[in-house]
N, C-alpha and C. Protein backbone atom coordinates (compact mmCIF):
# COMPACT_ATOMS: atom_id res chain seq x y z
N MET A 1 0.95 -0.79 -0.29
CA MET A 1 0.15 -0.29 0.47
C MET A 1 0.92 1.43 0.01
N LYS A 2 0.44 2.05 -0.60
CA LYS A 2 1.14 3.47 -0.75
C LYS A 2 0.91 4.35 -0.23
N ALA A 3 1.51 5.09 0.67
CA ALA A 3 1.72 5.86 1.96
C ALA A 3 1.37 6.91 1.81
N PHE A 4 0.71 8.28 2.19
CA PHE A 4 -0.24 9.15 1.50
C PHE A 4 1.98 9.95 1.36
N GLU A 5 1.91 10.88 0.91
CA GLU A 5 3.08 11.67 0.70
C GLU A 5 2.87 12.89 1.12
N LEU A 6 4.37 13.22 2.28
CA LEU A 6 3.85 14.63 2.76
C LEU A 6 4.32 15.49 2.92
N LYS A 7 4.50 16.90 3.32
CA LYS A 7 5.11 18.05 2.76
C LYS A 7 6.30 18.45 2.77
N THR A 8 6.51 17.64 3.93
CA THR A 8 7.65 18.43 4.86
C THR A 8 7.99 17.18 4.92
N SER A 9 9.95 17.60 5.09
CA SER A 9 11.23 16.63 4.99
C SER A 9 11.17 15.72 6.67
N GLU A 10 10.17 16.56 7.29
CA GLU A 10 11.02 15.88 8.79
C GLU A 10 9.29 14.73 9.18
N PRO A 11 9.81 13.33 9.69
CA PRO A 11 8.54 12.31 9.19
C PRO A 11 7.44 12.57 10.72
N LEU A 12 6.72 12.20 10.04
CA LEU A 12 5.43 12.36 11.01
C LEU A 12 4.86 11.16 10.36
N ASP A 13 4.31 11.16 12.21
CA ASP A 13 4.39 9.61 12.80
C ASP A 13 2.50 10.43 12.90
N LEU A 14 2.19 9.37 12.07
CA LEU A 14 0.63 9.08 12.12
C LEU A 14 -0.17 8.41 13.42
N THR A 15 0.85 8.08 14.14
CA THR A 15 -0.55 7.31 15.16
C THR A 15 -0.25 8.49 16.52
N ASP A 16 -0.03 9.07 16.25
CA ASP A 16 0.46 10.12 17.20
C ASP A 16 -0.38 11.15 16.96
N ILE A 17 -1.50 11.93 16.81
CA ILE A 17 -1.43 12.92 16.11
C ILE A 17 -2.91 13.57 16.47
N GLU A 18 -2.70 15.08 16.70
CA GLU A 18 -4.05 15.25 17.44
C GLU A 18 -4.52 17.11 16.08
N ILE A 19 -5.52 17.42 16.51
CA ILE A 19 -5.66 18.03 15.54
C ILE A 19 -6.60 18.67 16.36
N SER A 20 -6.83 20.58 16.43
CA SER A 20 -7.53 21.08 17.94
C SER A 20 -8.54 22.00 17.10
N SER A 21 -9.73 22.17 16.90
CA SER A 21 -9.92 23.26 16.60
C SER A 21 -11.18 24.14 17.91
N ASP A 22 -12.18 25.36 17.25
CA ASP A 22 -12.76 25.78 19.02
C ASP A 22 -13.04 24.63 19.47
N ARG A 23 -14.26 24.37 19.14
CA ARG A 23 -14.05 23.55 19.99
C ARG A 23 -14.33 22.31 20.87
N LEU A 24 -13.42 20.74 19.83
CA LEU A 24 -12.73 19.72 19.94
C LEU A 24 -11.62 19.68 19.98
N LEU A 25 -11.38 17.84 20.06
CA LEU A 25 -9.98 18.06 20.08
C LEU A 25 -10.02 16.22 19.11
N LEU A 26 -8.94 16.07 17.68
CA LEU A 26 -9.51 15.18 17.41
C LEU A 26 -8.27 13.59 17.68
N THR A 27 -8.02 13.14 18.00
CA THR A 27 -7.53 12.18 18.29
C THR A 27 -6.54 11.00 17.55
N THR A 28 -5.64 10.24 17.89
CA THR A 28 -5.44 9.44 16.82
C THR A 28 -5.44 7.75 18.65
N ARG A 29 -5.91 8.42 19.40
CA ARG A 29 -5.43 7.41 21.15
C ARG A 29 -7.33 6.42 20.97
N LEU A 30 -7.95 5.56 19.69
CA LEU A 30 -8.94 5.38 20.06
C LEU A 30 -9.26 4.25 20.64
N LYS A 31 -7.56 3.54 20.96
CA LYS A 31 -8.02 2.25 22.21
C LYS A 31 -8.12 3.45 23.49
N HIS A 32 -8.43 4.26 23.86
CA HIS A 32 -8.47 4.99 24.74
C HIS A 32 -10.80 4.69 24.88
N TYR A 33 -11.10 4.55 23.91
CA TYR A 33 -12.59 5.16 23.75
C TYR A 33 -13.47 3.72 22.98
N THR A 34 -12.38 2.04 23.02
CA THR A 34 -12.44 1.78 22.40
C THR A 34 -14.11 1.16 22.83
N LYS A 35 -14.68 1.11 23.76
CA LYS A 35 -16.04 0.91 24.48
C LYS A 35 -16.61 1.83 24.03
N ASP A 36 -16.74 3.19 23.44
CA ASP A 36 -17.18 4.17 23.03
C ASP A 36 -17.52 4.04 22.08
N ILE A 37 -16.80 3.59 21.49
CA ILE A 37 -17.29 3.16 20.42
C ILE A 37 -18.26 2.14 19.74
N PHE A 38 -17.53 1.35 20.45
CA PHE A 38 -18.04 0.01 20.25
C PHE A 38 -19.78 0.05 21.30
N ARG A 39 -20.20 1.11 21.60
CA ARG A 39 -22.07 1.69 22.08
C ARG A 39 -22.07 2.42 21.47
N GLU A 40 -20.88 3.61 21.09
CA GLU A 40 -22.20 4.66 19.90
C GLU A 40 -22.01 4.01 18.86
N PHE A 41 -21.47 3.41 18.24
CA PHE A 41 -20.89 2.35 16.51
C PHE A 41 -22.66 1.28 16.79
N ASN A 42 -24.22 2.49 16.32
CA ASN A 42 -24.92 0.92 16.30
C ASN A 42 -25.84 2.18 15.66
N ASP A 43 -27.15 1.32 15.42
CA ASP A 43 -28.40 1.08 14.38
C ASP A 43 -28.43 2.07 14.43
N ASP A 44 -28.66 3.49 14.64
CA ASP A 44 -29.55 4.89 14.92
C ASP A 44 -28.03 5.48 14.11
N ILE A 45 -26.32 4.81 13.67
CA ILE A 45 -25.72 5.83 13.22
C ILE A 45 -25.32 4.97 11.28
N ILE A 46 -25.47 4.04 11.28
CA ILE A 46 -25.45 3.66 10.41
C ILE A 46 -26.47 3.62 9.59
N GLN A 47 -26.93 4.14 9.17
CA GLN A 47 -28.00 4.51 8.66
C GLN A 47 -27.30 4.87 6.81
N TYR A 48 -27.03 5.78 6.43
CA TYR A 48 -26.04 6.47 5.77
C TYR A 48 -24.49 5.73 5.41
N MET A 49 -24.47 4.99 5.35
CA MET A 49 -23.27 3.98 6.43
C MET A 49 -23.17 2.55 5.67
N PHE A 50 -21.71 2.11 4.46
CA PHE A 50 -21.27 0.89 4.50
C PHE A 50 -20.94 0.20 5.67
N PRO A 51 -20.90 -0.35 6.76
CA PRO A 51 -19.97 -1.02 7.07
C PRO A 51 -21.51 -1.21 8.42
N LYS A 52 -21.23 -2.27 9.44
CA LYS A 52 -22.68 -2.90 10.02
C LYS A 52 -21.56 -2.47 11.29
N PRO A 53 -22.99 -1.80 12.97
CA PRO A 53 -22.49 -1.82 13.55
C PRO A 53 -21.76 -3.35 14.38
N ALA A 54 -20.38 -3.08 14.85
CA ALA A 54 -20.04 -4.62 15.91
C ALA A 54 -21.04 -5.31 16.11
N GLU A 55 -21.09 -6.59 16.68
CA GLU A 55 -21.79 -6.87 17.55
C GLU A 55 -21.28 -7.61 18.48
N ILE A 56 -19.91 -7.29 18.16
CA ILE A 56 -19.25 -8.26 19.44
C ILE A 56 -17.50 -6.60 20.11
N ILE A 57 -17.41 -6.60 21.26
CA ILE A 57 -16.97 -5.31 21.69
C ILE A 57 -14.42 -6.03 20.30
N GLU A 58 -14.68 -7.38 20.89
CA GLU A 58 -14.31 -7.84 19.34
C GLU A 58 -13.43 -6.35 18.09
N GLU A 59 -14.70 -6.90 17.66
CA GLU A 59 -14.96 -6.92 16.13
C GLU A 59 -14.30 -4.89 16.46
N THR A 60 -14.35 -4.71 17.09
CA THR A 60 -14.02 -3.05 17.90
C THR A 60 -12.56 -2.98 17.35
N ILE A 61 -12.20 -3.73 18.93
CA ILE A 61 -10.67 -3.53 19.12
C ILE A 61 -10.14 -4.35 17.50
N GLU A 62 -10.43 -5.23 16.77
CA GLU A 62 -10.25 -5.05 15.44
C GLU A 62 -10.53 -3.89 14.36
N PHE A 63 -10.94 -3.02 14.52
CA PHE A 63 -11.34 -2.01 14.07
C PHE A 63 -9.92 -1.34 14.04
N ILE A 64 -10.38 -1.25 15.65
CA ILE A 64 -8.68 0.11 15.69
C ILE A 64 -7.78 -0.63 16.08
N ASN A 65 -7.13 -1.68 15.97
CA ASN A 65 -6.21 -2.03 15.41
C ASN A 65 -5.83 -2.33 13.87
N ASP A 66 -6.77 -2.57 13.55
CA ASP A 66 -6.33 -2.45 11.45
C ASP A 66 -6.64 -1.37 11.29
N SER A 67 -6.97 0.28 11.52
CA SER A 67 -6.61 1.34 11.67
C SER A 67 -5.48 2.21 11.75
N MET A 68 -4.62 1.03 13.61
CA MET A 68 -3.50 2.05 13.67
C MET A 68 -2.59 1.06 12.52
N ILE A 69 -2.90 -0.07 12.14
CA ILE A 69 -1.37 -0.46 11.14
C ILE A 69 -1.45 0.43 9.81
N GLY A 70 -2.48 0.81 9.10
CA GLY A 70 -2.75 2.17 8.05
C GLY A 70 -1.88 3.06 9.11
N MET A 71 -1.97 3.40 9.64
CA MET A 71 -1.37 4.35 10.43
C MET A 71 0.19 4.47 9.90
N ARG A 72 0.17 3.15 11.41
CA ARG A 72 2.19 2.87 11.28
C ARG A 72 2.84 2.91 9.95
N GLU A 73 1.17 2.66 8.83
CA GLU A 73 2.40 2.00 7.09
C GLU A 73 1.84 3.59 5.96
N GLY A 74 1.17 4.84 7.24
CA GLY A 74 1.51 5.72 6.25
C GLY A 74 0.06 5.61 5.61
N TRP A 75 -0.68 5.37 4.85
CA TRP A 75 -2.23 5.64 4.50
C TRP A 75 -2.96 5.27 4.80
N ASN A 76 -2.92 5.45 5.92
CA ASN A 76 -4.28 6.13 6.49
C ASN A 76 -4.43 6.83 8.21
N LEU A 77 -5.49 8.06 8.47
CA LEU A 77 -5.64 8.95 9.99
C LEU A 77 -7.20 8.58 10.60
N ALA A 78 -6.99 7.51 10.88
CA ALA A 78 -7.91 7.87 11.76
C ALA A 78 -8.08 8.29 13.38
N LEU A 79 -9.27 8.83 13.51
CA LEU A 79 -8.77 9.71 14.58
C LEU A 79 -10.27 9.82 16.01
N ALA A 80 -10.36 9.69 16.80
CA ALA A 80 -12.15 9.61 17.58
C ALA A 80 -12.16 11.60 17.49
N ILE A 81 -12.92 11.71 18.12
CA ILE A 81 -13.73 13.50 17.73
C ILE A 81 -14.50 13.48 19.54
N THR A 82 -13.50 13.84 19.80
CA THR A 82 -13.70 14.46 21.47
C THR A 82 -13.50 17.12 21.75
N ILE A 83 -15.06 16.40 23.01
CA ILE A 83 -15.33 17.62 23.39
C ILE A 83 -13.94 18.17 24.02
N ASP A 84 -12.94 18.90 23.39
CA ASP A 84 -12.01 19.78 23.70
C ASP A 84 -12.14 19.76 25.08
N GLN A 85 -12.69 20.55 26.47
CA GLN A 85 -12.81 21.00 27.64
C GLN A 85 -12.73 19.69 27.57
N SER A 86 -13.46 18.86 28.09
CA SER A 86 -14.21 17.74 28.59
C SER A 86 -13.98 16.16 28.93
N GLY A 87 -12.96 16.03 27.27
CA GLY A 87 -13.03 14.94 26.79
C GLY A 87 -13.94 13.89 26.36
N GLU A 88 -15.40 14.90 25.95
CA GLU A 88 -16.06 13.49 26.29
C GLU A 88 -16.01 12.93 24.80
N PHE A 89 -16.12 11.75 24.34
CA PHE A 89 -16.32 11.18 22.98
C PHE A 89 -18.08 11.29 22.77
N LEU A 90 -16.81 11.60 21.06
CA LEU A 90 -18.77 12.45 20.12
C LEU A 90 -18.62 11.24 18.54
N GLY A 91 -17.53 10.84 18.89
CA GLY A 91 -17.74 9.67 17.19
C GLY A 91 -16.06 9.55 16.18
N CYS A 92 -16.00 8.93 15.12
CA CYS A 92 -14.99 9.41 14.42
C CYS A 92 -15.24 9.38 13.54
N CYS A 93 -13.52 9.78 12.72
CA CYS A 93 -13.29 10.09 12.08
C CYS A 93 -12.16 9.73 10.97
N GLY A 94 -12.35 10.12 9.73
CA GLY A 94 -10.63 9.51 9.18
C GLY A 94 -9.95 9.66 8.12
N LEU A 95 -8.86 10.12 7.28
CA LEU A 95 -8.46 10.44 5.89
C LEU A 95 -7.35 9.38 5.39
N HIS A 96 -8.63 7.75 4.97
CA HIS A 96 -8.39 6.60 4.12
C HIS A 96 -8.06 6.47 2.92
N GLY A 97 -6.62 6.20 2.72
CA GLY A 97 -6.11 6.75 1.15
C GLY A 97 -5.45 5.25 0.75
N ARG A 98 -6.18 4.21 1.21
CA ARG A 98 -5.89 2.50 0.69
C ARG A 98 -6.00 2.76 -0.84
N GLY A 99 -5.11 2.19 -1.28
CA GLY A 99 -4.79 2.24 -3.27
C GLY A 99 -4.96 3.88 -3.57
N ARG A 100 -4.70 4.96 -2.56
CA ARG A 100 -6.11 5.99 -3.76
C ARG A 100 -4.87 7.90 -2.61
N HIS A 101 -3.86 7.34 -2.32
CA HIS A 101 -2.82 8.15 -1.71
C HIS A 101 -2.98 9.52 -2.19
N ARG A 102 -3.26 9.86 -3.07
CA ARG A 102 -2.79 11.34 -4.09
C ARG A 102 -4.74 11.49 -3.61
N THR A 103 -5.60 10.95 -3.86
CA THR A 103 -7.11 11.10 -3.08
C THR A 103 -7.44 10.53 -2.47
N PRO A 104 -7.39 11.14 -1.32
CA PRO A 104 -8.06 9.73 -0.29
C PRO A 104 -8.94 10.37 0.11
N GLU A 105 -10.11 9.69 0.90
CA GLU A 105 -11.48 9.88 0.97
C GLU A 105 -11.71 10.22 2.94
N LEU A 106 -12.65 11.07 2.92
CA LEU A 106 -13.44 11.24 4.45
C LEU A 106 -14.51 10.50 4.99
N GLY A 107 -14.48 10.68 6.11
CA GLY A 107 -14.61 10.19 6.37
C GLY A 107 -15.03 10.27 8.06
N ILE A 108 -16.29 10.03 8.33
CA ILE A 108 -17.11 10.32 9.74
C ILE A 108 -18.17 9.74 9.77
N TRP A 109 -18.55 9.72 11.39
CA TRP A 109 -19.81 9.88 11.87
C TRP A 109 -19.82 10.46 13.93
N ILE A 110 -20.63 10.32 13.88
CA ILE A 110 -21.01 11.38 15.09
C ILE A 110 -22.06 10.50 15.69
N LYS A 111 -22.00 10.29 17.00
CA LYS A 111 -23.17 9.43 18.48
C LYS A 111 -24.53 10.36 18.19
N LYS A 112 -25.21 10.24 18.06
CA LYS A 112 -26.72 10.12 17.25
C LYS A 112 -27.00 11.22 18.89
N SER A 113 -26.21 11.24 19.83
CA SER A 113 -27.33 12.19 21.65
C SER A 113 -26.35 13.26 21.21
N ALA A 114 -24.88 13.60 19.72
CA ALA A 114 -23.96 14.47 19.92
C ALA A 114 -24.86 15.29 18.19
N HIS A 115 -25.80 15.10 17.59
CA HIS A 115 -26.17 15.67 16.57
C HIS A 115 -26.98 16.74 16.95
N GLY A 116 -26.98 17.45 15.00
CA GLY A 116 -27.53 18.66 15.96
C GLY A 116 -26.93 20.35 16.37
N HIS A 117 -25.47 19.83 16.62
CA HIS A 117 -24.63 21.29 17.13
C HIS A 117 -23.04 21.54 15.92
N LYS A 118 -23.65 20.78 14.94
CA LYS A 118 -22.44 20.93 14.16
C LYS A 118 -20.87 20.64 14.20
N TYR A 119 -21.03 19.65 14.66
CA TYR A 119 -19.87 18.49 15.22
C TYR A 119 -19.33 18.27 13.69
N GLY A 120 -19.81 17.65 13.21
CA GLY A 120 -19.51 17.07 12.02
C GLY A 120 -18.52 17.92 10.70
N GLN A 121 -19.18 19.14 10.94
CA GLN A 121 -19.40 20.08 10.29
C GLN A 121 -17.26 20.80 10.22
N GLU A 122 -17.66 20.46 11.97
CA GLU A 122 -16.20 21.65 12.40
C GLU A 122 -14.97 20.48 12.38
N THR A 123 -15.82 19.38 12.28
CA THR A 123 -14.82 17.93 12.66
C THR A 123 -13.72 17.56 11.09
N ILE A 124 -14.47 18.04 10.32
CA ILE A 124 -14.61 17.79 8.50
C ILE A 124 -13.41 18.93 8.44
N HIS A 125 -14.42 20.00 8.15
CA HIS A 125 -13.12 21.27 8.71
C HIS A 125 -11.54 21.22 8.19
N SER A 126 -11.92 20.79 9.22
CA SER A 126 -10.04 21.06 11.21
C SER A 126 -9.29 20.14 10.19
N LEU A 127 -10.31 18.29 9.52
CA LEU A 127 -10.24 17.13 9.08
C LEU A 127 -8.92 18.27 7.34
N ALA A 128 -9.57 18.24 6.87
CA ALA A 128 -9.99 18.92 5.16
C ALA A 128 -8.63 19.85 5.23
N THR A 129 -8.21 20.56 6.38
CA THR A 129 -7.64 21.28 6.52
C THR A 129 -6.03 21.29 6.68
N TRP A 130 -6.13 20.37 8.20
CA TRP A 130 -4.76 18.90 8.19
C TRP A 130 -4.72 19.23 7.08
N ALA A 131 -5.44 17.97 6.58
CA ALA A 131 -4.86 16.74 5.16
C ALA A 131 -4.26 18.21 4.26
N VAL A 132 -4.75 19.54 3.91
CA VAL A 132 -4.48 19.61 3.30
C VAL A 132 -2.67 20.51 3.63
N GLU A 133 -2.79 21.02 4.29
CA GLU A 133 -1.26 21.79 5.11
C GLU A 133 -0.62 20.08 5.52
N ASN A 134 -0.54 19.61 5.56
CA ASN A 134 0.64 18.57 5.46
C ASN A 134 1.22 17.10 4.50
N ILE A 135 0.06 16.66 3.79
CA ILE A 135 -0.19 15.66 2.90
C ILE A 135 -0.42 16.04 1.81
N ASP A 136 0.67 15.95 0.38
CA ASP A 136 0.73 16.55 -1.08
C ASP A 136 -0.65 15.66 -1.95
N LEU A 137 -1.37 16.82 -1.76
CA LEU A 137 -2.93 15.57 -2.75
C LEU A 137 -3.23 16.07 -3.53
N ASP A 138 -4.12 15.35 -4.99
CA ASP A 138 -4.38 16.62 -5.57
C ASP A 138 -5.94 17.12 -5.02
N TYR A 139 -7.19 15.43 -4.10
CA TYR A 139 -7.88 16.50 -4.16
C TYR A 139 -8.48 14.73 -3.27
N ILE A 140 -9.11 15.24 -2.21
CA ILE A 140 -9.90 14.53 -2.07
C ILE A 140 -11.25 14.30 -1.46
N ILE A 141 -11.54 13.24 -1.63
CA ILE A 141 -12.73 12.77 -1.57
C ILE A 141 -13.99 12.19 -0.87
N TYR A 142 -14.60 13.16 -0.97
CA TYR A 142 -15.56 12.33 0.46
C TYR A 142 -17.38 12.33 -0.49
N PRO A 143 -17.06 10.97 -0.09
CA PRO A 143 -19.00 9.80 -0.59
C PRO A 143 -20.28 9.89 0.98
N VAL A 144 -20.93 10.04 0.37
CA VAL A 144 -22.15 10.47 0.98
C VAL A 144 -24.16 9.92 0.66
N ASP A 145 -24.37 9.79 0.90
CA ASP A 145 -25.88 8.93 1.03
C ASP A 145 -26.47 10.27 -0.16
N ARG A 146 -26.82 10.25 -1.10
CA ARG A 146 -27.50 11.34 -1.53
C ARG A 146 -28.89 11.88 -0.24
N ALA A 147 -29.50 10.49 0.34
CA ALA A 147 -30.22 11.93 1.34
C ALA A 147 -29.77 11.99 2.49
N ASN A 148 -28.29 11.81 2.34
CA ASN A 148 -27.99 12.31 3.46
C ASN A 148 -27.29 14.28 3.54
N ILE A 149 -28.64 14.37 4.17
CA ILE A 149 -28.68 16.93 3.89
C ILE A 149 -27.26 17.16 4.81
N PRO A 150 -27.73 16.54 5.98
CA PRO A 150 -26.38 17.33 6.61
C PRO A 150 -24.78 17.13 6.15
N SER A 151 -24.50 15.60 5.81
CA SER A 151 -23.36 14.91 5.53
C SER A 151 -22.44 15.86 4.07
N ARG A 152 -24.35 16.31 3.21
CA ARG A 152 -23.81 17.09 1.62
C ARG A 152 -23.91 18.36 1.64
N LYS A 153 -24.34 18.65 3.26
CA LYS A 153 -24.08 20.28 3.28
C LYS A 153 -22.71 20.55 3.55
N ILE A 154 -21.77 19.97 4.26
CA ILE A 154 -20.90 19.33 4.95
C ILE A 154 -19.57 19.67 3.57
N ALA A 155 -20.12 18.62 2.92
CA ALA A 155 -19.26 19.09 1.39
C ALA A 155 -19.30 20.02 0.45
N GLU A 156 -20.51 20.38 0.68
CA GLU A 156 -20.60 22.00 -0.12
C GLU A 156 -20.41 23.31 0.94
N SER A 157 -19.98 23.36 1.55
CA SER A 157 -19.51 24.25 2.68
C SER A 157 -17.71 23.90 2.34
N LEU A 158 -17.32 22.81 2.07
CA LEU A 158 -16.72 22.98 1.86
C LEU A 158 -16.04 23.53 0.25
N GLY A 159 -17.18 23.56 -0.52
CA GLY A 159 -16.33 23.61 -1.54
C GLY A 159 -16.52 22.25 -3.05
N GLY A 160 -17.30 21.19 -1.84
CA GLY A 160 -16.86 20.81 -2.45
C GLY A 160 -18.13 20.17 -4.24
N GLN A 161 -17.76 19.44 -4.90
CA GLN A 161 -18.95 19.71 -6.73
C GLN A 161 -18.31 17.84 -6.85
N VAL A 162 -19.98 17.78 -6.26
CA VAL A 162 -20.36 16.17 -7.13
C VAL A 162 -19.52 15.90 -8.30
N PHE A 163 -19.03 14.43 -8.46
CA PHE A 163 -18.18 14.32 -9.39
C PHE A 163 -18.29 12.81 -10.01
N ALA A 164 -19.28 11.66 -8.54
CA ALA A 164 -19.23 10.57 -8.98
C ALA A 164 -20.66 10.35 -8.96
N GLU A 165 -20.94 9.57 -9.23
CA GLU A 165 -22.55 8.37 -8.54
C GLU A 165 -22.81 7.32 -8.89
N LYS A 166 -23.07 6.39 -7.71
CA LYS A 166 -23.79 5.10 -7.92
C LYS A 166 -24.72 4.31 -6.81
N GLN A 167 -24.71 3.24 -7.11
CA GLN A 167 -25.63 2.44 -6.10
C GLN A 167 -24.30 1.84 -5.38
N VAL A 168 -24.17 1.77 -3.60
CA VAL A 168 -22.75 0.78 -3.07
C VAL A 168 -23.41 -0.33 -2.12
N LYS A 169 -23.90 -1.63 -2.17
CA LYS A 169 -24.00 -2.17 -1.17
C LYS A 169 -23.16 -2.33 0.07
N THR A 170 -24.05 -2.22 1.17
CA THR A 170 -23.52 -1.52 2.07
C THR A 170 -23.43 -3.57 2.89
N ALA A 171 -22.51 -3.49 4.08
CA ALA A 171 -21.91 -4.90 4.16
C ALA A 171 -23.42 -5.16 5.25
N ARG A 172 -24.45 -5.13 5.09
CA ARG A 172 -25.75 -4.98 6.00
C ARG A 172 -26.83 -5.84 5.14
N GLY A 173 -26.51 -5.47 3.55
CA GLY A 173 -26.94 -6.05 2.90
C GLY A 173 -28.33 -5.12 1.52
N GLY A 174 -28.01 -4.16 2.29
CA GLY A 174 -29.37 -2.31 1.42
C GLY A 174 -28.40 -2.35 0.84
N TYR A 175 -28.49 -1.09 -0.18
CA TYR A 175 -28.05 -0.02 -0.99
C TYR A 175 -28.17 1.24 -0.16
N LEU A 176 -26.41 2.06 -0.65
CA LEU A 176 -26.89 3.62 -0.55
C LEU A 176 -26.25 4.18 -1.71
N ASP A 177 -27.09 5.25 -2.57
CA ASP A 177 -27.47 5.69 -3.42
C ASP A 177 -25.98 7.11 -3.13
N GLU A 178 -24.65 7.02 -3.23
CA GLU A 178 -23.97 7.57 -3.14
C GLU A 178 -23.62 8.43 -3.62
N VAL A 179 -23.36 9.67 -3.32
CA VAL A 179 -22.47 11.19 -4.42
C VAL A 179 -21.27 11.55 -3.99
N LYS A 180 -20.41 11.00 -4.38
CA LYS A 180 -18.97 11.32 -4.52
C LYS A 180 -18.90 12.99 -4.66
N TYR A 181 -18.16 13.15 -3.74
CA TYR A 181 -18.02 14.84 -3.86
C TYR A 181 -16.19 15.20 -3.79
N LYS A 182 -15.87 15.82 -4.34
CA LYS A 182 -14.44 16.15 -4.60
C LYS A 182 -14.15 17.32 -4.05
N LEU A 183 -13.15 17.52 -2.67
CA LEU A 183 -12.76 18.86 -2.38
C LEU A 183 -11.64 19.16 -2.50
N THR A 184 -11.38 20.41 -3.50
CA THR A 184 -9.75 20.75 -3.95
C THR A 184 -9.72 21.68 -2.71
N MET A 185 -7.64 21.69 -2.89
CA MET A 185 -6.99 22.35 -2.18
C MET A 185 -8.05 23.87 -2.01
N ASP A 186 -8.55 24.93 -3.20
CA ASP A 186 -9.15 25.59 -3.09
C ASP A 186 -9.89 25.82 -2.05
N GLY A 187 -10.94 24.72 -2.73
CA GLY A 187 -12.32 25.12 -1.55
C GLY A 187 -12.12 25.30 -0.06
N ILE A 188 -11.17 24.26 0.35
CA ILE A 188 -11.15 23.61 1.37
C ILE A 188 -10.27 25.15 1.81
N GLN A 189 -9.97 26.19 1.90
CA GLN A 189 -8.65 26.40 1.99
C GLN A 189 -10.03 28.34 1.71
N LYS A 190 -9.99 28.33 1.00
CA LYS A 190 -11.52 29.17 1.06
C LYS A 190 -12.92 29.09 2.26
N ALA A 191 -12.67 27.92 2.56
CA ALA A 191 -13.91 27.69 4.20
C ALA A 191 -13.42 28.43 5.17
N ARG A 192 -12.07 28.40 5.84
CA ARG A 192 -10.87 28.13 6.42
C ARG A 192 -12.08 29.43 7.52
N PRO A 193 -12.81 28.69 8.71
CA PRO A 193 -12.70 30.26 9.35
C PRO A 193 -11.42 31.55 9.67
N ALA A 194 -12.64 32.10 9.84
CA ALA A 194 -11.46 33.95 9.57
C ALA A 194 -10.98 33.53 11.61
C-alpha cells in the first residue's frame, strides 16, 4: 500500500496526531475510546454508511487495530472526535488513502446524542485543513448517501462538487445511493474560519 506523501521532510507519525478546533480535539488515541466506539456505533448511526455495527467488542478492537496498522504504514488516519474541554467522546473520523494516496477519502460518524450541534462540519473542516497543510494531495473525496442532507451540506460548505454517483452495496445487504464530492485545496482553504 502506498503511503501518503508528506509536504515536509520531517517524519510525521500518523499514530500520534492531535488536531484542535474551536470546540473539538481529534486524536489518534482510539484505544482509549474502545467502549465508546462499540456502544455508539450502532443501528441509529449506520443508516447512511457502508459498515454494520460491531456485534461484540472484539470487532471494535479489530477495527482499531486495523486502523493503527494503516496509520503505521502511512496511508490511513483514524481519529476519535472529542469535546476539547471535557474529553467527551463524540464519534470517529478518518482520512483513508488505501490505494488512493493522492485522492484519499474522508469519513465521519457522530454519536446520535451529539447530532445537531455542527460537530460534523467542524470536524471535517479541521481534518480537511490539516490534510491540505500536511499531505501532498490532488484532492479529497467525500462520499455521502444522496439522502444524507447534513453530510452533503458539509461537503458543499467546503466547495465540494459532485463528480461521481453510484449504488453501493452495504455490509448489511442494503444499498447506498452514493454521491462522491471532490474537495479541492482551493475550496478547503476558502472555507477556513476567519
